[in-house]
N, C-alpha and C. Protein backbone atom coordinates (compact mmCIF):
# COMPACT_ATOMS: atom_id res chain seq x y z
N MET A 1 5.21 -32.42 16.51
CA MET A 1 3.98 -32.59 15.08
C MET A 1 4.31 -33.83 14.25
N GLY A 2 2.87 -34.78 14.37
CA GLY A 2 3.29 -35.80 13.17
C GLY A 2 3.04 -35.32 12.12
N ALA A 3 3.77 -37.12 11.51
CA ALA A 3 3.64 -37.13 9.39
C ALA A 3 2.69 -37.88 9.27
N LEU A 4 1.79 -37.61 8.24
CA LEU A 4 1.18 -38.84 8.15
C LEU A 4 0.91 -39.08 6.67
N THR A 5 0.90 -40.45 6.68
CA THR A 5 0.94 -40.37 4.80
C THR A 5 -0.35 -40.81 4.21
N LEU A 6 -1.60 -40.89 3.38
CA LEU A 6 -2.78 -40.96 2.77
C LEU A 6 -2.92 -41.28 1.57
N ARG A 7 -3.63 -42.64 1.23
CA ARG A 7 -2.99 -42.62 -0.20
C ARG A 7 -4.65 -42.60 0.02
N LEU A 8 -4.51 -41.48 -1.41
CA LEU A 8 -6.06 -41.56 -2.36
C LEU A 8 -6.20 -41.91 -3.39
N PRO A 9 -7.49 -42.51 -4.00
CA PRO A 9 -7.89 -42.08 -5.44
C PRO A 9 -6.81 -40.93 -5.88
N ASP A 10 -6.62 -40.88 -6.84
CA ASP A 10 -6.67 -39.20 -7.96
C ASP A 10 -7.13 -38.55 -7.77
N HIS A 11 -9.21 -39.47 -7.73
CA HIS A 11 -9.88 -38.75 -8.68
C HIS A 11 -9.58 -37.75 -7.23
N LYS A 12 -9.83 -38.83 -5.96
CA LYS A 12 -10.41 -38.06 -4.12
C LYS A 12 -8.79 -36.89 -4.12
N HIS A 13 -8.30 -37.46 -4.77
CA HIS A 13 -7.16 -35.84 -4.22
C HIS A 13 -6.93 -34.41 -5.25
N GLU A 14 -7.33 -35.38 -6.51
CA GLU A 14 -7.78 -33.83 -7.71
C GLU A 14 -8.92 -33.04 -6.73
N ARG A 15 -9.54 -33.43 -6.79
CA ARG A 15 -10.93 -32.75 -5.68
C ARG A 15 -10.52 -32.20 -4.61
N LEU A 16 -10.10 -32.77 -3.75
CA LEU A 16 -9.23 -31.99 -2.15
C LEU A 16 -8.47 -30.52 -2.56
N LYS A 17 -7.14 -31.13 -3.88
CA LYS A 17 -6.35 -29.50 -4.29
C LYS A 17 -8.24 -28.40 -4.53
N GLU A 18 -8.63 -28.99 -5.26
CA GLU A 18 -9.48 -28.10 -6.34
C GLU A 18 -10.56 -27.38 -5.10
N LEU A 19 -11.08 -28.33 -4.32
CA LEU A 19 -11.47 -27.74 -2.75
C LEU A 19 -10.26 -26.64 -2.19
N ALA A 20 -9.24 -27.05 -1.64
CA ALA A 20 -8.51 -26.41 -0.67
C ALA A 20 -8.29 -25.20 -1.64
N LYS A 21 -8.12 -25.29 -2.42
CA LYS A 21 -7.70 -24.33 -3.70
C LYS A 21 -9.07 -22.71 -3.08
N SER A 22 -10.53 -23.41 -3.31
CA SER A 22 -10.86 -22.84 -3.85
C SER A 22 -11.54 -22.46 -2.58
N LYS A 23 -10.64 -22.33 -1.25
CA LYS A 23 -10.99 -21.69 -0.03
C LYS A 23 -10.25 -21.44 0.30
N GLY A 24 -8.71 -21.75 -0.90
CA GLY A 24 -8.01 -19.84 0.05
C GLY A 24 -6.92 -20.93 0.85
N MET A 25 -6.50 -22.59 0.64
CA MET A 25 -5.09 -22.97 1.55
C MET A 25 -4.95 -24.44 0.52
N SER A 26 -3.98 -24.87 1.61
CA SER A 26 -3.15 -26.27 1.70
C SER A 26 -4.65 -27.16 1.43
N VAL A 27 -4.31 -28.14 1.55
CA VAL A 27 -4.41 -29.69 1.33
C VAL A 27 -4.62 -29.50 2.69
N ASN A 28 -3.06 -29.62 2.96
CA ASN A 28 -3.01 -30.27 4.65
C ASN A 28 -3.61 -29.00 5.54
N HIS A 29 -3.67 -27.81 5.74
CA HIS A 29 -4.64 -26.79 5.91
C HIS A 29 -6.32 -27.60 6.43
N LEU A 30 -6.45 -27.38 4.70
CA LEU A 30 -8.18 -28.14 4.81
C LEU A 30 -7.80 -29.52 5.76
N LEU A 31 -6.99 -30.08 5.09
CA LEU A 31 -7.44 -31.79 6.04
C LEU A 31 -7.45 -32.26 7.62
N ASP A 32 -6.73 -30.16 7.87
CA ASP A 32 -5.90 -30.29 9.27
C ASP A 32 -7.51 -29.67 10.52
N GLU A 33 -7.96 -28.85 9.18
CA GLU A 33 -9.73 -28.93 9.54
C GLU A 33 -10.71 -29.55 9.63
N VAL A 34 -10.41 -30.41 9.47
CA VAL A 34 -11.39 -31.59 8.27
C VAL A 34 -11.21 -32.55 10.21
N THR A 35 -10.07 -33.17 10.02
CA THR A 35 -9.66 -33.57 11.24
C THR A 35 -10.60 -33.12 12.64
N THR A 36 -9.90 -32.25 12.61
CA THR A 36 -10.39 -31.33 13.93
C THR A 36 -12.21 -31.14 14.08
N LEU A 37 -12.66 -30.93 13.83
CA LEU A 37 -14.24 -31.54 13.35
C LEU A 37 -14.21 -32.69 13.85
N ILE A 38 -13.85 -33.46 13.44
CA ILE A 38 -14.54 -34.80 12.94
C ILE A 38 -13.90 -35.22 14.77
N LEU A 39 -13.02 -34.81 15.14
CA LEU A 39 -12.72 -35.17 16.86
C LEU A 39 -13.22 -34.59 17.82
N ALA A 40 -13.75 -33.22 17.48
CA ALA A 40 -14.68 -32.41 18.21
C ALA A 40 -16.05 -32.78 18.21
N GLU A 41 -16.52 -33.68 17.05
CA GLU A 41 -17.81 -34.91 16.97
C GLU A 41 -17.30 -35.91 17.75
N PHE A 42 -15.97 -37.05 17.71
CA PHE A 42 -16.39 -37.92 18.37
C PHE A 42 -16.38 -37.31 19.80
N ASP A 43 -15.91 -35.82 20.71
CA ASP A 43 -14.97 -35.90 21.88
C ASP A 43 -16.69 -35.34 22.72
N LEU A 44 -17.77 -34.57 21.89
CA LEU A 44 -18.74 -34.49 22.12
C LEU A 44 -19.87 -35.77 22.20
N LYS A 45 -19.78 -37.26 21.30
CA LYS A 45 -20.67 -37.90 21.42
C LYS A 45 -19.93 -38.84 22.53
N THR A 46 -18.27 -38.79 22.79
CA THR A 46 -17.69 -39.30 24.37
C THR A 46 -18.83 -38.89 25.32
N GLN A 47 -18.82 -36.93 25.43
CA GLN A 47 -18.79 -36.47 26.83
C GLN A 47 -21.05 -36.90 26.70
N PHE A 48 -21.79 -36.60 26.02
CA PHE A 48 -23.05 -37.53 25.94
C PHE A 48 -23.28 -39.10 27.37
N GLU A 49 -22.32 -39.75 26.30
CA GLU A 49 -22.88 -40.81 26.61
C GLU A 49 -22.09 -40.98 28.31
N ILE A 50 -21.41 -40.14 28.20
CA ILE A 50 -20.47 -40.68 29.63
C ILE A 50 -21.66 -39.79 30.35
N ARG A 51 -22.43 -38.59 30.04
CA ARG A 51 -23.21 -38.00 30.38
C ARG A 51 -25.13 -39.18 30.91
N ALA A 52 -24.93 -40.01 29.79
CA ALA A 52 -25.80 -40.93 29.67
C ALA A 52 -26.05 -41.57 30.91
N GLN A 53 -24.93 -43.18 30.45
CA GLN A 53 -24.62 -43.04 31.79
C GLN A 53 -25.22 -42.96 32.82
N ARG A 54 -24.20 -41.56 33.36
CA ARG A 54 -25.06 -40.67 34.83
C ARG A 54 -25.75 -40.78 34.93
N GLY A 55 -26.86 -40.42 34.07
CA GLY A 55 -28.50 -40.80 34.37
C GLY A 55 -29.61 -41.80 34.19
N GLN A 56 -28.46 -42.58 34.18
CA GLN A 56 -29.47 -44.12 33.67
C GLN A 56 -29.97 -44.10 35.15
N GLY A 57 -31.83 -44.68 34.41
CA GLY A 57 -32.65 -44.91 35.39
C GLY A 57 -32.67 -43.29 36.29
N LYS A 58 -32.64 -42.62 35.73
CA LYS A 58 -33.34 -41.08 35.82
C LYS A 58 -33.80 -40.25 35.49
N ALA A 59 -35.09 -41.25 33.97
CA ALA A 59 -35.54 -40.76 33.85
C ALA A 59 -36.61 -39.58 33.97
N GLU A 60 -37.53 -40.56 34.82
CA GLU A 60 -38.53 -40.81 34.90
C GLU A 60 -38.35 -38.72 36.18
N ARG A 61 -36.89 -38.97 36.93
CA ARG A 61 -37.48 -37.55 37.87
C ARG A 61 -36.70 -36.41 37.38
N GLY A 62 -36.10 -36.57 35.31
CA GLY A 62 -35.96 -35.41 34.06
C GLY A 62 -37.28 -35.49 33.95
N LEU A 63 -37.99 -35.84 33.91
CA LEU A 63 -39.19 -35.98 32.97
C LEU A 63 -39.88 -34.22 34.62
N GLU A 64 -39.84 -34.64 35.60
CA GLU A 64 -40.04 -34.57 36.74
C GLU A 64 -39.97 -33.13 36.01
N LEU A 65 -38.44 -33.17 36.61
CA LEU A 65 -37.84 -31.00 36.23
C LEU A 65 -38.50 -30.53 35.09
N LEU A 66 -38.33 -31.98 34.28
CA LEU A 66 -39.02 -31.17 33.15
C LEU A 66 -40.01 -30.21 32.99
N ALA A 67 -41.02 -30.98 33.46
CA ALA A 67 -42.39 -31.10 33.76
C ALA A 67 -42.70 -29.19 34.68
N LYS A 68 -42.39 -29.41 35.73
CA LYS A 68 -41.91 -28.56 36.21
C LYS A 68 -41.25 -26.82 35.99
N ALA A 69 -40.53 -27.08 35.29
CA ALA A 69 -39.71 -26.22 34.91
C ALA A 69 -40.79 -25.43 32.98
N LYS A 70 -41.85 -26.48 32.70
CA LYS A 70 -42.44 -26.38 31.81
C LYS A 70 -43.89 -24.87 32.36
N SER A 71 -44.02 -25.92 33.68
CA SER A 71 -44.73 -24.83 34.33
C SER A 71 -44.96 -23.90 35.13
N ASP A 72 -43.84 -23.76 35.19
CA ASP A 72 -42.60 -22.13 35.76
C ASP A 72 -42.75 -21.70 34.34
N LYS A 73 -42.35 -21.13 33.34
CA LYS A 73 -43.01 -20.19 32.32
C LYS A 73 -43.97 -20.01 32.00
N GLN A 74 -45.57 -20.78 32.14
CA GLN A 74 -46.62 -20.46 31.63
C GLN A 74 -47.12 -19.64 32.83
């Protein structure tokens, strides 16, 4: 496990401590949860971009499949 030194203005540090306390956790645990969410969002964005690259030039076929799926539902 790594260690990180984070410099924040005092007012942000105080607000983080209040938020962590209200959630019944330490500031360290709160920041761990926040970084998990940020990294998950980054991973999803990266996966989306990779899939979008694979689909370039295939929009017309995708729209055809979508139209077919809609007509099959009715």
